[in-house]
Amino acid sequence: MADINQVMLIGRLTRDAELKYANSGFAIANFSLAVDRNIKKDNNWQDEVNFFNAVIFGKRAEALAQYLTKGKQIAIQGELRQNRWEQEGQPRSKVEIVVNNIQLLQGRGGAPSQAQGPSAAAEEPAAGQPGPGTDDFSDDIPF
């Protein structure tokens, strides 16, 4: 059986993407993603936030870095990579997500973004937002 290394996350950016260039001129964009989850603790549901470091390379990094801003909701698909190095004689390591596909889920004001990644799917309304052609009848509900 083949090994599988696949990650899919939807979350919010914790900071603006940091675009850097290698000595060869190859673009590298680093960013961090916060993903909420609900856990049950002492018969109460609580929110827990997990933080993940991610990186995207090449022309996609250059094209998307300007749209990867703090607070924006995105979906990413990629694989986990462990970087290992030695610092002051001590072995160090860091796990990050190398992004293969990315989709910007919300633009300003919670509306779906027009500037989507190269492999983005068709636009859909954000959760909790009415879709095109729908009316907000919340004022007409009698209860």
Foldseek 3Di string as FASTA:
>chain_A
DDDDFKDKAKFFWQAQWDWDADPVRKIKTKTKGKHWDWDADPNDIDIDIDMAIEMEIGPLCVLCRVVRGGGFIKMFMFGKDKDWDADPNRIDIDIHGYTDAMFGQADPPQAGDPDTGPPDDDHDRDPPDDTPPDDDCVVVDPD
